[in-house]
Amino acid sequence: MTNQENKNNFDWVYYVLGLFFGILTAAIISGSFGWSILGGIIGFIFGAVFLNSIVKGRVY
């Protein structure tokens, strides 16, 4: 096992937070279930972009 595999991997937190707050934001703004699904997808994509571009390579 490499050193990277031994560390706890918390990358999933960014995806879950993006998904949750995307749904929450869309639900508050529109009040519609359909827009909440779209907001969740956009939030999930934003979480992935944030993780892979801004946080990538950061040493903890």
PDB file of N, CA and C in Angstrom:
ATOM      1  N   MET A   1       0.839  -1.188   0.000  1.00  0.00           N
ATOM      2  CA  MET A   1       0.000   0.000   0.000  1.00  0.00           C
ATOM      3  C   MET A   1       0.877   1.243   0.000  1.00  0.00           C
ATOM      4  N   THR A   2       0.477   2.206  -0.764  1.00  0.00           N
ATOM      5  CA  THR A   2       1.233   3.450  -0.807  1.00  0.00           C
ATOM      6  C   THR A   2       0.802   4.353   0.335  1.00  0.00           C
ATOM      7  N   ASN A   3       1.548   5.401   0.505  1.00  0.00           N
ATOM      8  CA  ASN A   3       1.257   6.359   1.567  1.00  0.00           C
ATOM      9  C   ASN A   3      -0.092   7.037   1.336  1.00  0.00           C
ATOM     10  N   GLN A   4      -0.436   7.288   0.063  1.00  0.00           N
ATOM     11  CA  GLN A   4      -1.702   7.934  -0.250  1.00  0.00           C
ATOM     12  C   GLN A   4      -2.889   7.049   0.138  1.00  0.00           C
ATOM     13  N   GLU A   5      -2.767   5.749  -0.027  1.00  0.00           N
ATOM     14  CA  GLU A   5      -3.852   4.845   0.307  1.00  0.00           C
ATOM     15  C   GLU A   5      -4.030   4.705   1.812  1.00  0.00           C
ATOM     16  N   ASN A   6      -2.993   4.979   2.590  1.00  0.00           N
ATOM     17  CA  ASN A   6      -3.087   4.848   4.036  1.00  0.00           C
ATOM     18  C   ASN A   6      -3.847   6.006   4.676  1.00  0.00           C
ATOM     19  N   LYS A   7      -3.866   7.159   4.023  1.00  0.00           N
ATOM     20  CA  LYS A   7      -4.565   8.319   4.576  1.00  0.00           C
ATOM     21  C   LYS A   7      -6.074   8.136   4.430  1.00  0.00           C
ATOM     22  N   ASN A   8      -6.806   8.761   5.317  1.00  0.00           N
ATOM     23  CA  ASN A   8      -8.263   8.770   5.179  1.00  0.00           C
ATOM     24  C   ASN A   8      -8.618   9.661   4.004  1.00  0.00           C
ATOM     25  N   ASN A   9      -9.485   9.176   3.151  1.00  0.00           N
ATOM     26  CA  ASN A   9      -9.874   9.917   1.964  1.00  0.00           C
ATOM     27  C   ASN A   9     -11.247  10.537   2.203  1.00  0.00           C
ATOM     28  N   PHE A  10     -11.290  11.841   2.288  1.00  0.00           N
ATOM     29  CA  PHE A  10     -12.533  12.559   2.535  1.00  0.00           C
ATOM     30  C   PHE A  10     -12.979  13.359   1.318  1.00  0.00           C
ATOM     31  N   ASP A  11     -12.627  12.907   0.118  1.00  0.00           N
ATOM     32  CA  ASP A  11     -13.032  13.599  -1.096  1.00  0.00           C
ATOM     33  C   ASP A  11     -14.546  13.566  -1.281  1.00  0.00           C
ATOM     34  N   TRP A  12     -15.186  12.530  -0.777  1.00  0.00           N
ATOM     35  CA  TRP A  12     -16.629  12.397  -0.940  1.00  0.00           C
ATOM     36  C   TRP A  12     -17.387  13.517  -0.252  1.00  0.00           C
ATOM     37  N   VAL A  13     -16.780  14.158   0.723  1.00  0.00           N
ATOM     38  CA  VAL A  13     -17.459  15.232   1.452  1.00  0.00           C
ATOM     39  C   VAL A  13     -17.779  16.400   0.523  1.00  0.00           C
ATOM     40  N   TYR A  14     -16.861  16.721  -0.400  1.00  0.00           N
ATOM     41  CA  TYR A  14     -17.094  17.814  -1.342  1.00  0.00           C
ATOM     42  C   TYR A  14     -18.276  17.502  -2.254  1.00  0.00           C
ATOM     43  N   TYR A  15     -18.381  16.259  -2.691  1.00  0.00           N
ATOM     44  CA  TYR A  15     -19.494  15.874  -3.555  1.00  0.00           C
ATOM     45  C   TYR A  15     -20.824  15.942  -2.814  1.00  0.00           C
ATOM     46  N   VAL A  16     -20.845  15.454  -1.600  1.00  0.00           N
ATOM     47  CA  VAL A  16     -22.091  15.450  -0.819  1.00  0.00           C
ATOM     48  C   VAL A  16     -22.508  16.875  -0.476  1.00  0.00           C
ATOM     49  N   LEU A  17     -21.571  17.713  -0.085  1.00  0.00           N
ATOM     50  CA  LEU A  17     -21.914  19.101   0.232  1.00  0.00           C
ATOM     51  C   LEU A  17     -22.414  19.847  -0.998  1.00  0.00           C
ATOM     52  N   GLY A  18     -21.767  19.638  -2.141  1.00  0.00           N
ATOM     53  CA  GLY A  18     -22.232  20.273  -3.372  1.00  0.00           C
ATOM     54  C   GLY A  18     -23.628  19.820  -3.741  1.00  0.00           C
ATOM     55  N   LEU A  19     -23.889  18.531  -3.617  1.00  0.00           N
ATOM     56  CA  LEU A  19     -25.204  17.983  -3.926  1.00  0.00           C
ATOM     57  C   LEU A  19     -26.267  18.530  -2.976  1.00  0.00           C
ATOM     58  N   PHE A  20     -25.970  18.507  -1.687  1.00  0.00           N
ATOM     59  CA  PHE A  20     -26.944  18.956  -0.688  1.00  0.00           C
ATOM     60  C   PHE A  20     -27.276  20.437  -0.845  1.00  0.00           C
ATOM     61  N   PHE A  21     -26.249  21.278  -0.927  1.00  0.00           N
ATOM     62  CA  PHE A  21     -26.522  22.709  -1.002  1.00  0.00           C
ATOM     63  C   PHE A  21     -27.045  23.127  -2.371  1.00  0.00           C
ATOM     64  N   GLY A  22     -26.746  22.357  -3.410  1.00  0.00           N
ATOM     65  CA  GLY A  22     -27.367  22.618  -4.709  1.00  0.00           C
ATOM     66  C   GLY A  22     -28.861  22.369  -4.658  1.00  0.00           C
ATOM     67  N   ILE A  23     -29.256  21.253  -4.042  1.00  0.00           N
ATOM     68  CA  ILE A  23     -30.682  20.951  -3.883  1.00  0.00           C
ATOM     69  C   ILE A  23     -31.356  21.986  -2.997  1.00  0.00           C
ATOM     70  N   LEU A  24     -30.714  22.324  -1.899  1.00  0.00           N
ATOM     71  CA  LEU A  24     -31.294  23.284  -0.960  1.00  0.00           C
ATOM     72  C   LEU A  24     -31.483  24.657  -1.604  1.00  0.00           C
ATOM     73  N   THR A  25     -30.482  25.113  -2.329  1.00  0.00           N
ATOM     74  CA  THR A  25     -30.567  26.425  -2.980  1.00  0.00           C
ATOM     75  C   THR A  25     -31.664  26.446  -4.031  1.00  0.00           C
ATOM     76  N   ALA A  26     -31.721  25.422  -4.859  1.00  0.00           N
ATOM     77  CA  ALA A  26     -32.754  25.374  -5.896  1.00  0.00           C
ATOM     78  C   ALA A  26     -34.147  25.258  -5.296  1.00  0.00           C
ATOM     79  N   ALA A  27     -34.278  24.503  -4.210  1.00  0.00           N
ATOM     80  CA  ALA A  27     -35.591  24.364  -3.567  1.00  0.00           C
ATOM     81  C   ALA A  27     -36.062  25.680  -2.969  1.00  0.00           C
ATOM     82  N   ILE A  28     -35.149  26.429  -2.385  1.00  0.00           N
ATOM     83  CA  ILE A  28     -35.528  27.715  -1.785  1.00  0.00           C
ATOM     84  C   ILE A  28     -35.874  28.734  -2.857  1.00  0.00           C
ATOM     85  N   ILE A  29     -35.097  28.762  -3.928  1.00  0.00           N
ATOM     86  CA  ILE A  29     -35.328  29.768  -4.969  1.00  0.00           C
ATOM     87  C   ILE A  29     -36.585  29.469  -5.773  1.00  0.00           C
ATOM     88  N   SER A  30     -36.742  28.217  -6.214  1.00  0.00           N
ATOM     89  CA  SER A  30     -37.852  27.904  -7.115  1.00  0.00           C
ATOM     90  C   SER A  30     -39.046  27.261  -6.419  1.00  0.00           C
ATOM     91  N   GLY A  31     -38.794  26.425  -5.444  1.00  0.00           N
ATOM     92  CA  GLY A  31     -39.873  25.719  -4.774  1.00  0.00           C
ATOM     93  C   GLY A  31     -40.408  24.549  -5.561  1.00  0.00           C
ATOM     94  N   SER A  32     -39.706  24.143  -6.606  1.00  0.00           N
ATOM     95  CA  SER A  32     -40.154  23.059  -7.462  1.00  0.00           C
ATOM     96  C   SER A  32     -39.227  21.861  -7.327  1.00  0.00           C
ATOM     97  N   PHE A  33     -39.812  20.663  -7.421  1.00  0.00           N
ATOM     98  CA  PHE A  33     -39.019  19.438  -7.296  1.00  0.00           C
ATOM     99  C   PHE A  33     -38.066  19.262  -8.481  1.00  0.00           C
ATOM    100  N   GLY A  34     -38.525  19.590  -9.666  1.00  0.00           N
ATOM    101  CA  GLY A  34     -37.697  19.452 -10.869  1.00  0.00           C
ATOM    102  C   GLY A  34     -36.464  20.331 -10.823  1.00  0.00           C
ATOM    103  N   TRP A  35     -36.645  21.550 -10.390  1.00  0.00           N
ATOM    104  CA  TRP A  35     -35.499  22.455 -10.289  1.00  0.00           C
ATOM    105  C   TRP A  35     -34.557  22.034  -9.171  1.00  0.00           C
ATOM    106  N   SER A  36     -35.085  21.380  -8.160  1.00  0.00           N
ATOM    107  CA  SER A  36     -34.233  20.877  -7.080  1.00  0.00           C
ATOM    108  C   SER A  36     -33.311  19.777  -7.583  1.00  0.00           C
ATOM    109  N   ILE A  37     -33.814  18.916  -8.459  1.00  0.00           N
ATOM    110  CA  ILE A  37     -32.983  17.871  -9.057  1.00  0.00           C
ATOM    111  C   ILE A  37     -31.876  18.509  -9.905  1.00  0.00           C
ATOM    112  N   LEU A  38     -32.242  19.478 -10.722  1.00  0.00           N
ATOM    113  CA  LEU A  38     -31.249  20.173 -11.548  1.00  0.00           C
ATOM    114  C   LEU A  38     -30.230  20.901 -10.672  1.00  0.00           C
ATOM    115  N   GLY A  39     -30.682  21.515  -9.600  1.00  0.00           N
ATOM    116  CA  GLY A  39     -29.765  22.185  -8.675  1.00  0.00           C
ATOM    117  C   GLY A  39     -28.811  21.205  -8.015  1.00  0.00           C
ATOM    118  N   GLY A  40     -29.302  20.017  -7.696  1.00  0.00           N
ATOM    119  CA  GLY A  40     -28.441  18.982  -7.128  1.00  0.00           C
ATOM    120  C   GLY A  40     -27.371  18.538  -8.100  1.00  0.00           C
ATOM    121  N   ILE A  41     -27.739  18.384  -9.361  1.00  0.00           N
ATOM    122  CA  ILE A  41     -26.762  17.995 -10.388  1.00  0.00           C
ATOM    123  C   ILE A  41     -25.716  19.081 -10.572  1.00  0.00           C
ATOM    124  N   ILE A  42     -26.150  20.320 -10.635  1.00  0.00           N
ATOM    125  CA  ILE A  42     -25.207  21.429 -10.786  1.00  0.00           C
ATOM    126  C   ILE A  42     -24.319  21.554  -9.553  1.00  0.00           C
ATOM    127  N   GLY A  43     -24.883  21.373  -8.371  1.00  0.00           N
ATOM    128  CA  GLY A  43     -24.077  21.413  -7.143  1.00  0.00           C
ATOM    129  C   GLY A  43     -23.054  20.297  -7.096  1.00  0.00           C
ATOM    130  N   PHE A  44     -23.432  19.103  -7.562  1.00  0.00           N
ATOM    131  CA  PHE A  44     -22.516  17.970  -7.615  1.00  0.00           C
ATOM    132  C   PHE A  44     -21.359  18.262  -8.573  1.00  0.00           C
ATOM    133  N   ILE A  45     -21.667  18.826  -9.721  1.00  0.00           N
ATOM    134  CA  ILE A  45     -20.628  19.184 -10.691  1.00  0.00           C
ATOM    135  C   ILE A  45     -19.720  20.266 -10.114  1.00  0.00           C
ATOM    136  N   PHE A  46     -20.294  21.253  -9.442  1.00  0.00           N
ATOM    137  CA  PHE A  46     -19.488  22.300  -8.832  1.00  0.00           C
ATOM    138  C   PHE A  46     -18.567  21.731  -7.760  1.00  0.00           C
ATOM    139  N   GLY A  47     -19.057  20.774  -6.971  1.00  0.00           N
ATOM    140  CA  GLY A  47     -18.211  20.116  -5.969  1.00  0.00           C
ATOM    141  C   GLY A  47     -17.057  19.371  -6.607  1.00  0.00           C
ATOM    142  N   ALA A  48     -17.304  18.706  -7.739  1.00  0.00           N
ATOM    143  CA  ALA A  48     -16.253  17.987  -8.451  1.00  0.00           C
ATOM    144  C   ALA A  48     -15.210  18.943  -9.022  1.00  0.00           C
ATOM    145  N   VAL A  49     -15.664  20.053  -9.596  1.00  0.00           N
ATOM    146  CA  VAL A  49     -14.737  21.051 -10.132  1.00  0.00           C
ATOM    147  C   VAL A  49     -13.911  21.657  -9.006  1.00  0.00           C
ATOM    148  N   PHE A  50     -14.549  21.967  -7.901  1.00  0.00           N
ATOM    149  CA  PHE A  50     -13.835  22.525  -6.760  1.00  0.00           C
ATOM    150  C   PHE A  50     -12.766  21.564  -6.253  1.00  0.00           C
ATOM    151  N   LEU A  51     -13.123  20.300  -6.146  1.00  0.00           N
ATOM    152  CA  LEU A  51     -12.183  19.302  -5.640  1.00  0.00           C
ATOM    153  C   LEU A  51     -11.020  19.090  -6.595  1.00  0.00           C
ATOM    154  N   ASN A  52     -11.293  19.032  -7.880  1.00  0.00           N
ATOM    155  CA  ASN A  52     -10.255  18.694  -8.850  1.00  0.00           C
ATOM    156  C   ASN A  52      -9.435  19.873  -9.330  1.00  0.00           C
ATOM    157  N   SER A  53      -9.847  21.094  -9.032  1.00  0.00           N
ATOM    158  CA  SER A  53      -9.053  22.231  -9.485  1.00  0.00           C
ATOM    159  C   SER A  53      -8.497  23.066  -8.336  1.00  0.00           C
ATOM    160  N   ILE A  54      -9.281  23.335  -7.329  1.00  0.00           N
ATOM    161  CA  ILE A  54      -8.836  24.221  -6.258  1.00  0.00           C
ATOM    162  C   ILE A  54      -8.110  23.456  -5.161  1.00  0.00           C
ATOM    163  N   VAL A  55      -8.637  22.316  -4.773  1.00  0.00           N
ATOM    164  CA  VAL A  55      -8.084  21.576  -3.633  1.00  0.00           C
ATOM    165  C   VAL A  55      -7.054  20.548  -4.077  1.00  0.00           C
ATOM    166  N   LYS A  56      -6.966  20.278  -5.349  1.00  0.00           N
ATOM    167  CA  LYS A  56      -6.074  19.232  -5.869  1.00  0.00           C
ATOM    168  C   LYS A  56      -4.618  19.531  -5.506  1.00  0.00           C
ATOM    169  N   GLY A  57      -3.947  18.545  -4.950  1.00  0.00           N
ATOM    170  CA  GLY A  57      -2.543  18.687  -4.619  1.00  0.00           C
ATOM    171  C   GLY A  57      -2.267  19.342  -3.283  1.00  0.00           C
ATOM    172  N   ARG A  58      -3.286  19.694  -2.548  1.00  0.00           N
ATOM    173  CA  ARG A  58      -3.074  20.315  -1.238  1.00  0.00           C
ATOM    174  C   ARG A  58      -2.576  19.283  -0.255  1.00  0.00           C
ATOM    175  N   VAL A  59      -1.579  19.654   0.507  1.00  0.00           N
ATOM    176  CA  VAL A  59      -1.009  18.738   1.503  1.00  0.00           C
ATOM    177  C   VAL A  59      -1.635  19.055   2.844  1.00  0.00           C
ATOM    178  N   TYR A  60      -2.135  18.020   3.520  1.00  0.00           N
ATOM    179  CA  TYR A  60      -2.782  18.212   4.810  1.00  0.00           C
ATOM    180  C   TYR A  60      -1.807  17.972   5.929  1.00  0.00           C
TER     181      TYR A  60
END
